[in-house]
Amino acid sequence: MNEEILIPISLFLVVFGIFYLYLSTRNRERLALIEKGIDASIFMGNNKGSNSFSKILLLNLSLLLMGIGLGVFVALLLSTYTSLDQGALYPATIFTTAGAALFVGYNMTKKLDN
């Protein structure tokens, strides 16, 4: 069998296994709590929290992607106009700007919570 085909298959199996374990464990926990007589409304959660979580996730993801794009752009400018080593320049600027974007996202998230 060709080794190149094993990588996507194994990746799919790992992702499927993680989701299966997560969902089956969650189902068992819920069934055990319901059997003990605990109200099932705790599983619904409040809509504000789930909406807030999605807003926070989208905010941080969008800022991360903008930081990566900015890092590639800055690295392109630096490699064009300077004689810096490109092998170290691209990862350094991408990780720096992505980290700065996540830091900005963290501060914006704190303001959203208030």
C-alpha atoms as a PDB file:
ATOM      1  CA  MET A   1       0.000   0.000   0.000  1.00  0.00           C
ATOM      2  CA  ASN A   2       1.212   3.485  -0.774  1.00  0.00           C
ATOM      3  CA  GLU A   3       2.377   5.436   2.296  1.00  0.00           C
ATOM      4  CA  GLU A   4       1.061   8.747   0.973  1.00  0.00           C
ATOM      5  CA  ILE A   5      -2.535   7.592   1.239  1.00  0.00           C
ATOM      6  CA  LEU A   6      -2.078   6.559   4.871  1.00  0.00           C
ATOM      7  CA  ILE A   7      -1.655  10.136   6.077  1.00  0.00           C
ATOM      8  CA  PRO A   8      -5.138  11.435   5.094  1.00  0.00           C
ATOM      9  CA  ILE A   9      -6.758   8.194   6.218  1.00  0.00           C
ATOM     10  CA  SER A  10      -5.073   8.303   9.612  1.00  0.00           C
ATOM     11  CA  LEU A  11      -5.898  11.998  10.014  1.00  0.00           C
ATOM     12  CA  PHE A  12      -9.561  11.282   9.266  1.00  0.00           C
ATOM     13  CA  LEU A  13      -9.594   8.378  11.718  1.00  0.00           C
ATOM     14  CA  VAL A  14      -8.043  10.460  14.496  1.00  0.00           C
ATOM     15  CA  VAL A  15     -10.520  13.326  14.020  1.00  0.00           C
ATOM     16  CA  PHE A  16     -13.432  10.879  13.845  1.00  0.00           C
ATOM     17  CA  GLY A  17     -12.195   9.103  16.989  1.00  0.00           C
ATOM     18  CA  ILE A  18     -11.913  12.336  18.943  1.00  0.00           C
ATOM     19  CA  PHE A  19     -15.420  13.461  17.988  1.00  0.00           C
ATOM     20  CA  TYR A  20     -16.863  10.019  18.691  1.00  0.00           C
ATOM     21  CA  LEU A  21     -15.270   9.867  22.141  1.00  0.00           C
ATOM     22  CA  TYR A  22     -16.393  13.405  22.934  1.00  0.00           C
ATOM     23  CA  LEU A  23     -19.997  12.801  21.914  1.00  0.00           C
ATOM     24  CA  SER A  24     -20.297   9.372  23.529  1.00  0.00           C
ATOM     25  CA  THR A  25     -18.765  10.585  26.801  1.00  0.00           C
ATOM     26  CA  ARG A  26     -21.033  13.619  26.854  1.00  0.00           C
ATOM     27  CA  ASN A  27     -24.059  11.402  26.228  1.00  0.00           C
ATOM     28  CA  ARG A  28     -23.092   9.036  29.076  1.00  0.00           C
ATOM     29  CA  GLU A  29     -22.574  11.929  31.477  1.00  0.00           C
ATOM     30  CA  ARG A  30     -25.942  13.418  30.607  1.00  0.00           C
ATOM     31  CA  LEU A  31     -27.717  10.101  30.984  1.00  0.00           C
ATOM     32  CA  ALA A  32     -26.088   9.530  34.367  1.00  0.00           C
ATOM     33  CA  LEU A  33     -27.159  12.982  35.585  1.00  0.00           C
ATOM     34  CA  ILE A  34     -30.709  12.482  34.330  1.00  0.00           C
ATOM     35  CA  GLU A  35     -30.884   9.091  36.077  1.00  0.00           C
ATOM     36  CA  LYS A  36     -29.926  10.785  39.339  1.00  0.00           C
ATOM     37  CA  GLY A  37     -32.849  13.171  38.895  1.00  0.00           C
ATOM     38  CA  ILE A  38     -30.968  16.341  38.045  1.00  0.00           C
ATOM     39  CA  ASP A  39     -32.901  18.787  35.901  1.00  0.00           C
ATOM     40  CA  ALA A  40     -32.064  18.493  32.194  1.00  0.00           C
ATOM     41  CA  SER A  41     -32.201  22.247  31.691  1.00  0.00           C
ATOM     42  CA  ILE A  42     -28.540  22.522  32.712  1.00  0.00           C
ATOM     43  CA  PHE A  43     -27.642  21.091  29.313  1.00  0.00           C
ATOM     44  CA  MET A  44     -29.384  23.856  27.406  1.00  0.00           C
ATOM     45  CA  GLY A  45     -27.171  26.578  28.801  1.00  0.00           C
ATOM     46  CA  ASN A  46     -27.951  30.229  28.552  1.00  0.00           C
ATOM     47  CA  ASN A  47     -28.138  31.709  25.097  1.00  0.00           C
ATOM     48  CA  LYS A  48     -26.047  34.684  26.112  1.00  0.00           C
ATOM     49  CA  GLY A  49     -23.060  32.496  27.008  1.00  0.00           C
ATOM     50  CA  SER A  50     -23.095  30.484  23.810  1.00  0.00           C
ATOM     51  CA  ASN A  51     -23.571  33.604  21.724  1.00  0.00           C
ATOM     52  CA  SER A  52     -20.760  35.290  23.603  1.00  0.00           C
ATOM     53  CA  PHE A  53     -18.502  32.277  23.030  1.00  0.00           C
ATOM     54  CA  SER A  54     -19.121  32.352  19.297  1.00  0.00           C
ATOM     55  CA  LYS A  55     -18.431  36.078  19.188  1.00  0.00           C
ATOM     56  CA  ILE A  56     -15.178  35.619  21.083  1.00  0.00           C
ATOM     57  CA  LEU A  57     -14.120  32.727  18.859  1.00  0.00           C
ATOM     58  CA  LEU A  58     -14.881  34.625  15.660  1.00  0.00           C
ATOM     59  CA  LEU A  59     -13.159  37.750  16.949  1.00  0.00           C
ATOM     60  CA  ASN A  60      -9.982  35.906  17.869  1.00  0.00           C
ATOM     61  CA  LEU A  61      -9.965  33.829  14.676  1.00  0.00           C
ATOM     62  CA  SER A  62     -10.441  36.877  12.473  1.00  0.00           C
ATOM     63  CA  LEU A  63      -7.704  38.781  14.276  1.00  0.00           C
ATOM     64  CA  LEU A  64      -5.378  35.784  14.024  1.00  0.00           C
ATOM     65  CA  LEU A  65      -5.917  35.486  10.284  1.00  0.00           C
ATOM     66  CA  MET A  66      -5.422  39.228   9.817  1.00  0.00           C
ATOM     67  CA  GLY A  67      -2.223  39.004  11.854  1.00  0.00           C
ATOM     68  CA  ILE A  68      -0.927  36.160   9.694  1.00  0.00           C
ATOM     69  CA  GLY A  69      -1.743  38.123   6.538  1.00  0.00           C
ATOM     70  CA  LEU A  70      -0.035  41.203   7.915  1.00  0.00           C
ATOM     71  CA  GLY A  71       2.978  39.094   8.862  1.00  0.00           C
ATOM     72  CA  VAL A  72       3.317  37.719   5.336  1.00  0.00           C
ATOM     73  CA  PHE A  73       2.999  41.235   3.917  1.00  0.00           C
ATOM     74  CA  VAL A  74       5.601  42.687   6.284  1.00  0.00           C
ATOM     75  CA  ALA A  75       7.951  39.766   5.592  1.00  0.00           C
ATOM     76  CA  LEU A  76       7.564  40.333   1.864  1.00  0.00           C
ATOM     77  CA  LEU A  77       8.406  44.011   2.277  1.00  0.00           C
ATOM     78  CA  LEU A  78      11.395  43.252   4.495  1.00  0.00           C
ATOM     79  CA  SER A  79      12.753  40.592   2.169  1.00  0.00           C
ATOM     80  CA  THR A  80      12.354  42.907  -0.832  1.00  0.00           C
ATOM     81  CA  TYR A  81      13.983  45.990   0.656  1.00  0.00           C
ATOM     82  CA  THR A  82      16.571  44.435   3.006  1.00  0.00           C
ATOM     83  CA  SER A  83      19.176  41.718   2.773  1.00  0.00           C
ATOM     84  CA  LEU A  84      17.805  39.694   5.693  1.00  0.00           C
ATOM     85  CA  ASP A  85      17.675  35.897   5.494  1.00  0.00           C
ATOM     86  CA  GLN A  86      14.296  34.847   4.103  1.00  0.00           C
ATOM     87  CA  GLY A  87      14.379  31.482   5.856  1.00  0.00           C
ATOM     88  CA  ALA A  88      14.125  33.120   9.267  1.00  0.00           C
ATOM     89  CA  LEU A  89      12.306  36.275   8.240  1.00  0.00           C
ATOM     90  CA  TYR A  90       8.955  34.816   7.206  1.00  0.00           C
ATOM     91  CA  PRO A  91       8.283  32.635  10.274  1.00  0.00           C
ATOM     92  CA  ALA A  92       9.521  35.336  12.633  1.00  0.00           C
ATOM     93  CA  THR A  93       7.259  38.067  11.291  1.00  0.00           C
ATOM     94  CA  ILE A  94       4.275  35.758  10.878  1.00  0.00           C
ATOM     95  CA  PHE A  95       4.487  34.475  14.458  1.00  0.00           C
ATOM     96  CA  THR A  96       5.157  37.959  15.846  1.00  0.00           C
ATOM     97  CA  THR A  97       2.197  39.596  14.135  1.00  0.00           C
ATOM     98  CA  ALA A  98      -0.093  36.628  14.841  1.00  0.00           C
ATOM     99  CA  GLY A  99       0.862  36.788  18.519  1.00  0.00           C
ATOM    100  CA  ALA A 100       0.252  40.527  18.582  1.00  0.00           C
ATOM    101  CA  ALA A 101      -3.155  39.984  16.951  1.00  0.00           C
ATOM    102  CA  LEU A 102      -4.081  37.377  19.569  1.00  0.00           C
ATOM    103  CA  PHE A 103      -2.985  39.754  22.317  1.00  0.00           C
ATOM    104  CA  VAL A 104      -5.223  42.457  20.848  1.00  0.00           C
ATOM    105  CA  GLY A 105      -8.018  39.883  20.649  1.00  0.00           C
ATOM    106  CA  TYR A 106      -7.529  38.996  24.313  1.00  0.00           C
ATOM    107  CA  ASN A 107      -7.810  42.641  25.315  1.00  0.00           C
ATOM    108  CA  MET A 108     -10.897  43.101  23.129  1.00  0.00           C
ATOM    109  CA  THR A 109     -12.442  39.977  24.669  1.00  0.00           C
ATOM    110  CA  LYS A 110     -11.956  41.395  28.152  1.00  0.00           C
ATOM    111  CA  LYS A 111     -13.803  44.541  27.045  1.00  0.00           C
ATOM    112  CA  LEU A 112     -16.643  42.418  25.597  1.00  0.00           C
ATOM    113  CA  ASP A 113     -17.120  40.630  28.908  1.00  0.00           C
ATOM    114  CA  ASN A 114     -17.621  43.916  30.740  1.00  0.00           C
END
